[in-house]
Amino acid sequence: MNTRAKIETKLAEAFAPEHLEIIDESHLHAGHHHADSDHHATFDGSGETHFRVRLVSAAFAGQSRVARHRAINRVLQDELDAGVHALAIEVSAPGEARRR
C-alpha cells in the first residue's frame, strides 16, 4: 500500500469523514531544499513526501484548529516519521466553512 493510501485509510478509520481528499503535492516542491535530507540535497519532486489533506468530520465539532491538527498528526505519526515531509491540513466539522 502506498503512502497516500495509508493516509486515506487511517484518516477514514479514525474520523469517519463526510469528505476526505488526499492530494500528493510532492511534484510541486521539486527544486526545494530539505534541511532534514543528507547534505541538504535539492528535492527532485519524486516520492510521496508532501500531502494536502481536506477532511470534514463531525469528530472535529467544538475543537480548536490546533486540536484538530494535533489529532490528525497523531493518527499519521508513523507516516510523518517514515518520510512525509509536509502535511497541509484543511479540516472542518460539518456545516463549517472550509478555509482555503
N, C-alpha and C. Protein backbone atom coordinates (compact mmCIF):
# COMPACT_ATOMS: atom_id res chain seq x y z
N MET A 1 0.85 -1.17 0.00
CA MET A 1 0.00 0.00 0.00
C MET A 1 0.90 1.24 0.00
N ASN A 2 0.62 2.19 -0.89
CA ASN A 2 1.43 3.40 -0.94
C ASN A 2 1.07 4.36 0.19
N THR A 3 1.86 5.39 0.35
CA THR A 3 1.69 6.32 1.46
C THR A 3 0.35 7.03 1.39
N ARG A 4 -0.04 7.47 0.22
CA ARG A 4 -1.33 8.16 0.07
C ARG A 4 -2.47 7.27 0.53
N ALA A 5 -2.45 6.02 0.14
CA ALA A 5 -3.50 5.07 0.53
C ALA A 5 -3.49 4.82 2.04
N LYS A 6 -2.31 4.74 2.63
CA LYS A 6 -2.21 4.56 4.08
C LYS A 6 -2.83 5.75 4.81
N ILE A 7 -2.50 6.95 4.35
CA ILE A 7 -3.05 8.16 4.96
C ILE A 7 -4.57 8.15 4.86
N GLU A 8 -5.08 7.85 3.68
CA GLU A 8 -6.52 7.83 3.46
C GLU A 8 -7.21 6.81 4.37
N THR A 9 -6.66 5.62 4.45
CA THR A 9 -7.24 4.55 5.28
C THR A 9 -7.24 4.94 6.75
N LYS A 10 -6.12 5.44 7.24
CA LYS A 10 -6.02 5.80 8.65
C LYS A 10 -6.98 6.92 9.03
N LEU A 11 -7.07 7.95 8.18
CA LEU A 11 -7.96 9.06 8.49
C LEU A 11 -9.42 8.66 8.40
N ALA A 12 -9.75 7.81 7.43
CA ALA A 12 -11.14 7.33 7.31
C ALA A 12 -11.54 6.52 8.54
N GLU A 13 -10.65 5.67 9.01
CA GLU A 13 -10.94 4.85 10.18
C GLU A 13 -11.03 5.68 11.46
N ALA A 14 -10.17 6.68 11.58
CA ALA A 14 -10.10 7.47 12.81
C ALA A 14 -11.22 8.50 12.93
N PHE A 15 -11.66 9.07 11.81
CA PHE A 15 -12.57 10.21 11.88
C PHE A 15 -13.90 10.04 11.16
N ALA A 16 -14.14 8.93 10.50
CA ALA A 16 -15.40 8.69 9.77
C ALA A 16 -15.86 9.95 9.03
N PRO A 17 -15.05 10.45 8.12
CA PRO A 17 -15.33 11.74 7.49
C PRO A 17 -16.51 11.73 6.51
N GLU A 18 -17.15 12.88 6.41
CA GLU A 18 -18.16 13.10 5.36
C GLU A 18 -17.46 13.37 4.04
N HIS A 19 -16.30 13.96 4.13
CA HIS A 19 -15.50 14.26 2.94
C HIS A 19 -14.04 14.04 3.30
N LEU A 20 -13.31 13.38 2.43
CA LEU A 20 -11.88 13.16 2.63
C LEU A 20 -11.20 13.19 1.28
N GLU A 21 -10.20 14.03 1.19
CA GLU A 21 -9.42 14.16 -0.04
C GLU A 21 -7.95 14.23 0.35
N ILE A 22 -7.15 13.37 -0.24
CA ILE A 22 -5.71 13.34 -0.01
C ILE A 22 -5.04 13.66 -1.34
N ILE A 23 -4.27 14.72 -1.36
CA ILE A 23 -3.63 15.17 -2.60
C ILE A 23 -2.12 15.09 -2.43
N ASP A 24 -1.45 14.36 -3.29
CA ASP A 24 0.01 14.28 -3.29
C ASP A 24 0.54 15.50 -4.04
N GLU A 25 1.17 16.39 -3.30
CA GLU A 25 1.70 17.63 -3.89
C GLU A 25 3.23 17.59 -3.99
N SER A 26 3.81 16.42 -3.91
CA SER A 26 5.27 16.30 -3.91
C SER A 26 5.90 16.96 -5.13
N HIS A 27 5.30 16.77 -6.28
CA HIS A 27 5.87 17.32 -7.52
C HIS A 27 5.93 18.85 -7.51
N LEU A 28 5.09 19.49 -6.70
CA LEU A 28 5.09 20.95 -6.63
C LEU A 28 6.30 21.50 -5.88
N HIS A 29 7.02 20.62 -5.20
CA HIS A 29 8.15 21.04 -4.37
C HIS A 29 9.51 20.67 -4.96
N ALA A 30 9.52 20.23 -6.20
CA ALA A 30 10.78 19.91 -6.87
C ALA A 30 11.68 21.15 -6.87
N GLY A 31 12.93 20.93 -6.54
CA GLY A 31 13.90 22.02 -6.51
C GLY A 31 14.07 22.65 -5.15
N HIS A 32 13.19 22.32 -4.21
CA HIS A 32 13.32 22.86 -2.85
C HIS A 32 14.39 22.10 -2.08
N HIS A 33 14.98 22.75 -1.14
CA HIS A 33 15.97 22.12 -0.27
C HIS A 33 15.29 21.64 1.00
N HIS A 34 15.57 20.42 1.41
CA HIS A 34 15.04 19.88 2.65
C HIS A 34 16.16 19.85 3.67
N ALA A 35 16.00 20.59 4.73
CA ALA A 35 17.04 20.67 5.77
C ALA A 35 17.30 19.32 6.43
N ASP A 36 16.30 18.43 6.41
CA ASP A 36 16.48 17.14 7.07
C ASP A 36 17.06 16.07 6.15
N SER A 37 17.34 16.41 4.91
CA SER A 37 17.90 15.42 3.99
C SER A 37 19.42 15.45 4.05
N ASP A 38 20.04 14.38 3.55
CA ASP A 38 21.50 14.30 3.55
C ASP A 38 22.11 15.45 2.76
N HIS A 39 23.03 16.14 3.38
CA HIS A 39 23.78 17.21 2.73
C HIS A 39 22.88 18.30 2.17
N HIS A 40 21.69 18.45 2.74
CA HIS A 40 20.76 19.49 2.30
C HIS A 40 20.51 19.41 0.80
N ALA A 41 20.31 18.20 0.32
CA ALA A 41 20.13 17.95 -1.11
C ALA A 41 18.87 18.64 -1.63
N THR A 42 18.88 18.94 -2.91
CA THR A 42 17.71 19.51 -3.55
C THR A 42 16.71 18.39 -3.83
N PHE A 43 15.47 18.60 -3.43
CA PHE A 43 14.41 17.61 -3.61
C PHE A 43 14.03 17.56 -5.09
N ASP A 44 13.89 16.34 -5.63
CA ASP A 44 13.59 16.20 -7.05
C ASP A 44 12.10 16.09 -7.35
N GLY A 45 11.24 16.11 -6.32
CA GLY A 45 9.80 16.05 -6.54
C GLY A 45 9.25 14.65 -6.63
N SER A 46 10.11 13.64 -6.53
CA SER A 46 9.63 12.27 -6.61
C SER A 46 9.25 11.76 -5.23
N GLY A 47 8.59 10.65 -5.20
CA GLY A 47 8.20 10.06 -3.92
C GLY A 47 6.93 10.69 -3.37
N GLU A 48 6.51 10.18 -2.27
CA GLU A 48 5.30 10.68 -1.63
C GLU A 48 5.71 11.36 -0.32
N THR A 49 6.02 12.65 -0.42
CA THR A 49 6.58 13.36 0.71
C THR A 49 5.79 14.59 1.14
N HIS A 50 4.97 15.13 0.26
CA HIS A 50 4.21 16.34 0.54
C HIS A 50 2.73 16.07 0.21
N PHE A 51 1.87 16.25 1.20
CA PHE A 51 0.45 15.97 1.01
C PHE A 51 -0.42 17.11 1.51
N ARG A 52 -1.58 17.24 0.91
CA ARG A 52 -2.65 18.12 1.38
C ARG A 52 -3.81 17.22 1.76
N VAL A 53 -4.34 17.44 2.97
CA VAL A 53 -5.47 16.68 3.48
C VAL A 53 -6.66 17.62 3.61
N ARG A 54 -7.76 17.28 2.97
CA ARG A 54 -9.02 18.02 3.13
C ARG A 54 -10.00 17.06 3.76
N LEU A 55 -10.48 17.41 4.95
CA LEU A 55 -11.28 16.47 5.72
C LEU A 55 -12.41 17.21 6.43
N VAL A 56 -13.63 16.67 6.33
CA VAL A 56 -14.79 17.17 7.05
C VAL A 56 -15.33 16.02 7.87
N SER A 57 -15.39 16.24 9.19
CA SER A 57 -15.85 15.18 10.08
C SER A 57 -16.52 15.77 11.31
N ALA A 58 -17.59 15.12 11.75
CA ALA A 58 -18.27 15.52 12.98
C ALA A 58 -17.35 15.36 14.19
N ALA A 59 -16.32 14.55 14.07
CA ALA A 59 -15.38 14.35 15.17
C ALA A 59 -14.69 15.65 15.58
N PHE A 60 -14.69 16.65 14.70
CA PHE A 60 -13.99 17.90 14.97
C PHE A 60 -14.91 19.00 15.50
N ALA A 61 -16.18 18.72 15.66
CA ALA A 61 -17.11 19.74 16.18
C ALA A 61 -16.65 20.21 17.56
N GLY A 62 -16.58 21.50 17.72
CA GLY A 62 -16.21 22.08 19.00
C GLY A 62 -14.72 22.09 19.31
N GLN A 63 -13.89 21.57 18.41
CA GLN A 63 -12.44 21.55 18.64
C GLN A 63 -11.77 22.76 18.01
N SER A 64 -10.71 23.21 18.64
CA SER A 64 -9.92 24.30 18.07
C SER A 64 -9.15 23.79 16.86
N ARG A 65 -8.66 24.72 16.08
CA ARG A 65 -7.85 24.36 14.91
C ARG A 65 -6.60 23.58 15.34
N VAL A 66 -5.98 24.01 16.43
CA VAL A 66 -4.77 23.33 16.92
C VAL A 66 -5.10 21.91 17.34
N ALA A 67 -6.19 21.71 18.06
CA ALA A 67 -6.58 20.36 18.50
C ALA A 67 -6.86 19.46 17.30
N ARG A 68 -7.48 20.00 16.29
CA ARG A 68 -7.77 19.22 15.07
C ARG A 68 -6.48 18.78 14.39
N HIS A 69 -5.55 19.71 14.25
CA HIS A 69 -4.27 19.38 13.59
C HIS A 69 -3.49 18.36 14.41
N ARG A 70 -3.49 18.53 15.71
CA ARG A 70 -2.78 17.57 16.56
C ARG A 70 -3.39 16.18 16.44
N ALA A 71 -4.70 16.09 16.37
CA ALA A 71 -5.36 14.78 16.24
C ALA A 71 -4.95 14.10 14.93
N ILE A 72 -4.91 14.85 13.85
CA ILE A 72 -4.50 14.29 12.56
C ILE A 72 -3.03 13.88 12.60
N ASN A 73 -2.19 14.72 13.16
CA ASN A 73 -0.76 14.38 13.25
C ASN A 73 -0.54 13.13 14.09
N ARG A 74 -1.30 12.95 15.16
CA ARG A 74 -1.17 11.73 15.98
C ARG A 74 -1.51 10.49 15.15
N VAL A 75 -2.60 10.56 14.40
CA VAL A 75 -3.02 9.41 13.59
C VAL A 75 -1.98 9.08 12.52
N LEU A 76 -1.33 10.10 12.00
CA LEU A 76 -0.38 9.92 10.89
C LEU A 76 1.08 9.94 11.34
N GLN A 77 1.33 9.76 12.62
CA GLN A 77 2.70 9.85 13.15
C GLN A 77 3.67 8.89 12.45
N ASP A 78 3.24 7.66 12.19
CA ASP A 78 4.12 6.70 11.52
C ASP A 78 4.53 7.19 10.14
N GLU A 79 3.60 7.77 9.40
CA GLU A 79 3.90 8.27 8.05
C GLU A 79 4.83 9.49 8.13
N LEU A 80 4.60 10.35 9.12
CA LEU A 80 5.47 11.51 9.30
C LEU A 80 6.89 11.07 9.67
N ASP A 81 7.00 10.06 10.49
CA ASP A 81 8.32 9.53 10.88
C ASP A 81 9.00 8.81 9.72
N ALA A 82 8.21 8.29 8.78
CA ALA A 82 8.75 7.48 7.69
C ALA A 82 9.05 8.26 6.42
N GLY A 83 8.94 9.59 6.46
CA GLY A 83 9.35 10.34 5.28
C GLY A 83 8.37 11.34 4.73
N VAL A 84 7.17 11.44 5.28
CA VAL A 84 6.28 12.51 4.84
C VAL A 84 6.86 13.80 5.41
N HIS A 85 7.25 14.67 4.53
CA HIS A 85 7.98 15.88 4.90
C HIS A 85 7.04 17.03 5.24
N ALA A 86 5.90 17.11 4.53
CA ALA A 86 4.97 18.23 4.73
C ALA A 86 3.54 17.72 4.62
N LEU A 87 2.70 18.28 5.50
CA LEU A 87 1.29 17.91 5.53
C LEU A 87 0.47 19.18 5.70
N ALA A 88 -0.19 19.60 4.62
CA ALA A 88 -1.09 20.76 4.68
C ALA A 88 -2.46 20.22 5.08
N ILE A 89 -3.03 20.79 6.13
CA ILE A 89 -4.28 20.25 6.68
C ILE A 89 -5.38 21.28 6.56
N GLU A 90 -6.45 20.90 5.89
CA GLU A 90 -7.67 21.71 5.79
C GLU A 90 -8.78 20.86 6.40
N VAL A 91 -9.17 21.20 7.62
CA VAL A 91 -10.10 20.36 8.36
C VAL A 91 -11.26 21.20 8.89
N SER A 92 -12.45 20.61 8.89
CA SER A 92 -13.62 21.30 9.43
C SER A 92 -14.64 20.28 9.91
N ALA A 93 -15.58 20.78 10.68
CA ALA A 93 -16.74 20.00 11.09
C ALA A 93 -17.85 20.27 10.08
N PRO A 94 -18.83 19.38 9.96
CA PRO A 94 -19.94 19.63 9.03
C PRO A 94 -20.60 20.97 9.30
N GLY A 95 -20.91 21.70 8.24
CA GLY A 95 -21.57 22.98 8.37
C GLY A 95 -20.64 24.16 8.52
N GLU A 96 -19.38 23.91 8.80
CA GLU A 96 -18.40 24.99 8.88
C GLU A 96 -17.88 25.32 7.49
N ALA A 97 -17.60 26.57 7.27
CA ALA A 97 -16.98 26.97 6.01
C ALA A 97 -15.54 26.50 6.04
N ARG A 98 -15.13 25.81 5.00
CA ARG A 98 -13.73 25.37 4.92
C ARG A 98 -12.85 26.55 4.53
N ARG A 99 -11.71 26.64 5.19
CA ARG A 99 -10.74 27.69 4.85
C ARG A 99 -9.83 27.17 3.77
N ARG A 100 -9.55 28.00 2.82
CA ARG A 100 -8.65 27.61 1.72
C ARG A 100 -7.40 28.41 1.79
